[in-house]
N, C-alpha and C. Protein backbone atom coordinates (compact mmCIF):
# COMPACT_ATOMS: atom_id res chain seq x y z
N UNK A 1 0.84 -1.16 0.00
CA UNK A 1 0.00 0.00 0.00
C UNK A 1 0.89 1.24 0.00
N UNK A 2 0.58 2.20 -0.86
CA UNK A 2 1.32 3.45 -0.90
C UNK A 2 0.77 4.38 0.15
N UNK A 3 1.66 5.07 0.83
CA UNK A 3 1.24 6.09 1.80
C UNK A 3 1.70 7.43 1.29
N UNK A 4 0.82 8.40 1.41
CA UNK A 4 1.11 9.75 0.98
C UNK A 4 2.00 10.42 2.01
N UNK A 5 3.03 11.12 1.57
CA UNK A 5 3.89 11.86 2.48
C UNK A 5 3.59 13.34 2.34
N UNK A 6 3.52 14.04 3.46
CA UNK A 6 3.23 15.45 3.42
C UNK A 6 1.73 15.69 3.47
N UNK A 7 1.36 16.94 3.53
CA UNK A 7 -0.05 17.30 3.61
C UNK A 7 -0.62 17.53 2.22
N UNK A 8 -1.86 17.13 2.07
CA UNK A 8 -2.57 17.38 0.82
C UNK A 8 -3.90 18.03 1.14
N UNK A 9 -4.42 18.72 0.19
CA UNK A 9 -5.74 19.29 0.37
C UNK A 9 -6.42 19.42 -0.98
N UNK A 10 -7.55 18.76 -1.13
CA UNK A 10 -8.40 18.94 -2.29
C UNK A 10 -9.81 18.59 -1.86
N UNK A 11 -10.71 18.52 -2.79
CA UNK A 11 -12.11 18.35 -2.42
C UNK A 11 -12.44 16.97 -1.86
N UNK A 12 -11.55 15.98 -2.03
CA UNK A 12 -11.90 14.64 -1.59
C UNK A 12 -11.06 14.11 -0.43
N UNK A 13 -10.07 14.85 0.00
CA UNK A 13 -9.24 14.36 1.11
C UNK A 13 -8.71 15.52 1.95
N UNK A 14 -8.32 15.17 3.18
CA UNK A 14 -7.80 16.17 4.11
C UNK A 14 -6.73 15.50 4.97
N UNK A 15 -5.57 16.13 5.08
CA UNK A 15 -4.51 15.60 5.93
C UNK A 15 -4.74 16.04 7.36
N UNK A 16 -4.19 15.27 8.32
CA UNK A 16 -4.39 15.61 9.72
C UNK A 16 -3.20 15.19 10.58
N UNK A 17 -3.09 15.83 11.73
CA UNK A 17 -2.20 15.43 12.82
C UNK A 17 -3.10 15.32 14.04
N UNK A 18 -3.06 14.17 14.71
CA UNK A 18 -3.95 13.92 15.84
C UNK A 18 -3.15 13.37 17.01
N UNK A 19 -3.44 13.86 18.21
CA UNK A 19 -2.87 13.33 19.44
C UNK A 19 -3.95 12.44 20.04
N UNK A 20 -3.67 11.14 20.16
CA UNK A 20 -4.71 10.25 20.66
C UNK A 20 -4.20 8.87 20.99
N UNK A 21 -5.15 7.93 21.01
CA UNK A 21 -4.83 6.56 21.38
C UNK A 21 -5.73 5.59 20.62
N UNK A 22 -5.16 4.45 20.26
CA UNK A 22 -5.93 3.41 19.58
C UNK A 22 -6.76 2.65 20.62
N UNK A 23 -8.03 2.43 20.28
CA UNK A 23 -8.94 1.71 21.17
C UNK A 23 -9.48 0.50 20.42
N UNK A 24 -10.10 -0.42 21.18
CA UNK A 24 -10.67 -1.61 20.56
C UNK A 24 -11.74 -1.20 19.55
N UNK A 25 -11.96 -2.06 18.57
CA UNK A 25 -13.06 -1.81 17.64
C UNK A 25 -14.35 -1.81 18.43
N UNK A 26 -15.16 -0.83 18.20
CA UNK A 26 -16.33 -0.60 19.03
C UNK A 26 -17.51 -1.47 18.61
N UNK A 27 -18.18 -2.03 19.61
CA UNK A 27 -19.39 -2.80 19.32
C UNK A 27 -20.63 -1.94 19.48
N UNK A 28 -20.51 -0.85 20.26
CA UNK A 28 -21.66 0.05 20.42
C UNK A 28 -21.76 0.98 19.23
N UNK A 29 -22.81 1.74 19.17
CA UNK A 29 -23.08 2.65 18.09
C UNK A 29 -21.96 3.68 17.95
N UNK A 30 -21.23 3.62 16.84
CA UNK A 30 -20.13 4.57 16.63
C UNK A 30 -20.62 5.99 16.50
N UNK A 31 -21.82 6.18 15.96
CA UNK A 31 -22.35 7.54 15.83
C UNK A 31 -22.54 8.19 17.20
N UNK A 32 -22.99 7.42 18.18
CA UNK A 32 -23.16 7.95 19.53
C UNK A 32 -21.81 8.38 20.10
N UNK A 33 -20.81 7.51 19.99
CA UNK A 33 -19.49 7.85 20.51
C UNK A 33 -18.88 9.01 19.73
N UNK A 34 -19.11 9.04 18.42
CA UNK A 34 -18.62 10.15 17.60
C UNK A 34 -19.17 11.47 18.14
N UNK A 35 -20.47 11.49 18.43
CA UNK A 35 -21.10 12.71 18.95
C UNK A 35 -20.57 13.08 20.33
N UNK A 36 -20.33 12.09 21.19
CA UNK A 36 -19.76 12.34 22.52
C UNK A 36 -18.37 12.94 22.38
N UNK A 37 -17.58 12.40 21.45
CA UNK A 37 -16.24 12.95 21.21
C UNK A 37 -16.34 14.39 20.74
N UNK A 38 -17.22 14.66 19.78
CA UNK A 38 -17.40 16.02 19.27
C UNK A 38 -17.78 16.99 20.40
N UNK A 39 -18.67 16.55 21.30
CA UNK A 39 -19.10 17.39 22.42
C UNK A 39 -17.94 17.71 23.37
N UNK A 40 -16.89 16.87 23.35
CA UNK A 40 -15.74 17.06 24.23
C UNK A 40 -14.51 17.57 23.48
N UNK A 41 -14.73 18.14 22.29
CA UNK A 41 -13.65 18.68 21.46
C UNK A 41 -12.62 17.61 21.10
N UNK A 42 -13.10 16.37 20.91
CA UNK A 42 -12.25 15.25 20.50
C UNK A 42 -12.81 14.69 19.20
N UNK A 43 -12.07 13.75 18.60
CA UNK A 43 -12.52 13.11 17.37
C UNK A 43 -12.39 11.61 17.49
N UNK A 44 -13.29 10.92 16.84
CA UNK A 44 -13.24 9.46 16.68
C UNK A 44 -12.94 9.21 15.21
N UNK A 45 -11.80 8.59 14.93
CA UNK A 45 -11.45 8.21 13.57
C UNK A 45 -11.44 6.69 13.51
N UNK A 46 -11.99 6.14 12.44
CA UNK A 46 -12.10 4.69 12.35
C UNK A 46 -11.94 4.22 10.92
N UNK A 47 -10.91 3.43 10.68
CA UNK A 47 -10.72 2.81 9.38
C UNK A 47 -10.00 3.66 8.35
N UNK A 48 -9.78 3.04 7.20
CA UNK A 48 -8.97 3.68 6.17
C UNK A 48 -9.61 4.95 5.60
N UNK A 49 -10.93 5.05 5.57
CA UNK A 49 -11.55 6.29 5.10
C UNK A 49 -11.21 7.47 6.00
N UNK A 50 -10.96 7.19 7.28
CA UNK A 50 -10.55 8.24 8.22
C UNK A 50 -9.03 8.34 8.33
N UNK A 51 -8.29 7.54 7.57
CA UNK A 51 -6.84 7.64 7.53
C UNK A 51 -6.10 6.93 8.65
N UNK A 52 -6.77 5.99 9.33
CA UNK A 52 -6.12 5.27 10.42
C UNK A 52 -6.37 3.77 10.29
N UNK A 53 -5.49 3.00 10.91
CA UNK A 53 -5.73 1.57 11.05
C UNK A 53 -6.46 1.38 12.36
N UNK A 54 -7.59 0.72 12.36
CA UNK A 54 -8.34 0.50 13.59
C UNK A 54 -9.19 1.71 13.94
N UNK A 55 -9.33 1.95 15.26
CA UNK A 55 -10.15 3.05 15.77
C UNK A 55 -9.30 3.88 16.72
N UNK A 56 -9.33 5.20 16.53
CA UNK A 56 -8.51 6.11 17.31
C UNK A 56 -9.40 7.22 17.89
N UNK A 57 -9.19 7.52 19.17
CA UNK A 57 -9.86 8.64 19.83
C UNK A 57 -8.78 9.66 20.19
N UNK A 58 -9.01 10.93 19.86
CA UNK A 58 -8.03 11.95 20.19
C UNK A 58 -8.45 13.32 19.74
N UNK A 59 -7.50 14.23 19.75
CA UNK A 59 -7.75 15.63 19.35
C UNK A 59 -6.94 15.94 18.11
N UNK A 60 -7.61 16.50 17.11
CA UNK A 60 -6.93 16.92 15.89
C UNK A 60 -6.15 18.20 16.21
N UNK A 61 -4.84 18.14 15.98
CA UNK A 61 -3.98 19.29 16.22
C UNK A 61 -3.88 20.18 14.98
N UNK A 62 -4.00 19.56 13.81
CA UNK A 62 -3.94 20.30 12.55
C UNK A 62 -4.60 19.45 11.48
N UNK A 63 -5.21 20.15 10.51
CA UNK A 63 -5.81 19.42 9.39
C UNK A 63 -5.91 20.33 8.18
N UNK A 64 -6.09 19.70 7.02
CA UNK A 64 -6.28 20.43 5.78
C UNK A 64 -5.16 21.38 5.46
N UNK A 65 -5.47 22.67 5.42
CA UNK A 65 -4.52 23.70 5.03
C UNK A 65 -3.69 24.24 6.20
N UNK A 66 -3.90 23.70 7.41
CA UNK A 66 -3.13 24.19 8.55
C UNK A 66 -1.64 24.00 8.29
N UNK A 67 -0.83 24.90 8.79
CA UNK A 67 0.61 24.73 8.69
C UNK A 67 1.22 24.95 10.07
N UNK A 68 2.46 24.54 10.21
CA UNK A 68 3.11 24.56 11.51
C UNK A 68 4.23 25.60 11.59
N UNK A 69 4.23 26.56 10.68
CA UNK A 69 5.29 27.57 10.71
C UNK A 69 5.35 28.24 12.08
N UNK A 70 6.45 28.07 12.75
CA UNK A 70 6.72 28.69 14.04
C UNK A 70 5.66 28.39 15.10
N UNK A 71 4.96 27.30 14.94
CA UNK A 71 3.96 26.91 15.93
C UNK A 71 4.60 25.95 16.93
N UNK A 72 4.33 26.17 18.20
CA UNK A 72 4.84 25.30 19.25
C UNK A 72 3.66 24.73 20.02
N UNK A 73 3.64 23.41 20.15
CA UNK A 73 2.61 22.76 20.95
C UNK A 73 3.32 22.17 22.16
N UNK A 74 3.15 22.79 23.33
CA UNK A 74 3.87 22.32 24.52
C UNK A 74 3.46 20.89 24.89
N UNK A 75 4.42 20.14 25.40
CA UNK A 75 4.13 18.77 25.84
C UNK A 75 3.04 18.75 26.90
N UNK A 76 2.98 19.79 27.73
CA UNK A 76 1.93 19.86 28.75
C UNK A 76 0.55 19.85 28.09
N UNK A 77 0.41 20.54 26.96
CA UNK A 77 -0.87 20.54 26.24
C UNK A 77 -1.23 19.15 25.75
N UNK A 78 -0.23 18.42 25.26
CA UNK A 78 -0.47 17.05 24.80
C UNK A 78 -0.87 16.16 25.97
N UNK A 79 -0.24 16.37 27.12
CA UNK A 79 -0.60 15.61 28.31
C UNK A 79 -2.04 15.91 28.73
N UNK A 80 -2.45 17.16 28.65
CA UNK A 80 -3.84 17.54 28.99
C UNK A 80 -4.83 16.90 28.02
N UNK A 81 -4.46 16.84 26.75
CA UNK A 81 -5.33 16.19 25.75
C UNK A 81 -5.49 14.72 26.09
N UNK A 82 -4.38 14.06 26.41
CA UNK A 82 -4.46 12.63 26.70
C UNK A 82 -5.23 12.35 27.99
N UNK A 83 -5.15 13.24 28.96
CA UNK A 83 -5.96 13.09 30.17
C UNK A 83 -7.44 13.14 29.81
N UNK A 84 -7.81 14.09 28.96
CA UNK A 84 -9.20 14.21 28.52
C UNK A 84 -9.66 12.96 27.76
N UNK A 85 -8.79 12.45 26.88
CA UNK A 85 -9.10 11.23 26.12
C UNK A 85 -9.28 10.05 27.08
N UNK A 86 -8.36 9.90 28.03
CA UNK A 86 -8.43 8.78 28.98
C UNK A 86 -9.70 8.83 29.82
N UNK A 87 -10.11 10.01 30.26
CA UNK A 87 -11.33 10.14 31.05
C UNK A 87 -12.53 9.68 30.22
N UNK A 88 -12.61 10.15 28.97
CA UNK A 88 -13.73 9.76 28.11
C UNK A 88 -13.73 8.25 27.86
N UNK A 89 -12.57 7.70 27.56
CA UNK A 89 -12.47 6.27 27.25
C UNK A 89 -12.84 5.44 28.48
N UNK A 90 -12.37 5.84 29.67
CA UNK A 90 -12.71 5.10 30.89
C UNK A 90 -14.19 5.21 31.22
N UNK A 91 -14.79 6.40 31.04
CA UNK A 91 -16.22 6.57 31.30
C UNK A 91 -17.05 5.66 30.41
N UNK A 92 -16.63 5.47 29.17
CA UNK A 92 -17.38 4.66 28.22
C UNK A 92 -16.94 3.19 28.24
N UNK A 93 -16.02 2.86 29.15
CA UNK A 93 -15.52 1.49 29.30
C UNK A 93 -15.00 0.91 27.98
N UNK A 94 -14.22 1.73 27.28
CA UNK A 94 -13.61 1.32 26.02
C UNK A 94 -12.20 0.82 26.32
N UNK A 95 -11.86 -0.33 25.78
CA UNK A 95 -10.55 -0.93 26.03
C UNK A 95 -9.48 -0.25 25.18
N UNK A 96 -8.40 0.18 25.84
CA UNK A 96 -7.25 0.76 25.13
C UNK A 96 -6.42 -0.38 24.56
N UNK A 97 -5.97 -0.23 23.31
CA UNK A 97 -5.10 -1.26 22.73
C UNK A 97 -3.80 -0.65 22.21
N UNK A 98 -3.54 0.58 22.58
CA UNK A 98 -2.33 1.24 22.14
C UNK A 98 -1.84 2.20 23.20
N UNK A 99 -0.77 2.87 22.88
CA UNK A 99 -0.19 3.89 23.75
C UNK A 99 -0.50 5.27 23.18
N UNK A 100 -0.51 6.30 24.03
CA UNK A 100 -0.70 7.65 23.51
C UNK A 100 0.31 7.92 22.39
N UNK A 101 -0.18 8.46 21.29
CA UNK A 101 0.66 8.65 20.11
C UNK A 101 0.23 9.89 19.33
N UNK A 102 1.10 10.31 18.44
CA UNK A 102 0.77 11.33 17.45
C UNK A 102 0.52 10.58 16.14
N UNK A 103 -0.67 10.77 15.58
CA UNK A 103 -1.06 10.11 14.34
C UNK A 103 -1.07 11.15 13.22
N UNK A 104 -0.58 10.77 12.04
CA UNK A 104 -0.69 11.61 10.86
C UNK A 104 -1.30 10.78 9.75
N UNK A 105 -2.03 11.42 8.88
CA UNK A 105 -2.62 10.68 7.77
C UNK A 105 -3.45 11.57 6.89
N UNK A 106 -4.12 10.92 5.96
CA UNK A 106 -5.02 11.58 5.03
C UNK A 106 -6.33 10.85 5.07
N UNK A 107 -7.43 11.59 5.25
CA UNK A 107 -8.74 10.95 5.33
C UNK A 107 -9.65 11.50 4.25
N UNK A 108 -10.64 10.69 3.91
CA UNK A 108 -11.62 11.09 2.91
C UNK A 108 -12.56 12.13 3.51
N UNK A 109 -13.01 13.06 2.70
CA UNK A 109 -13.97 14.08 3.16
C UNK A 109 -15.37 13.73 2.70
């Protein structure tokens, strides 16, 4: 499988950088969890259309046309994001199957 390097932006795809964690494939309604994530300023990405292997819960740090020129994201901010993700995941009794990570990819729009 070819993987795209760098950011792209057109009408059918969007690149992203996400701070999050891989969770078990969900048996409950993904739309419900997607909405819960949205309400908490988080995202649920699932499968190749979303640019990830498996299911990932986290916060999008950049997407589409965003650029990182002279932008600094303190590690403390990433720690706060992961605390928020962990609270949500524990409340919903979702099994973690990965470690906190930075994910990059391209997803379908």
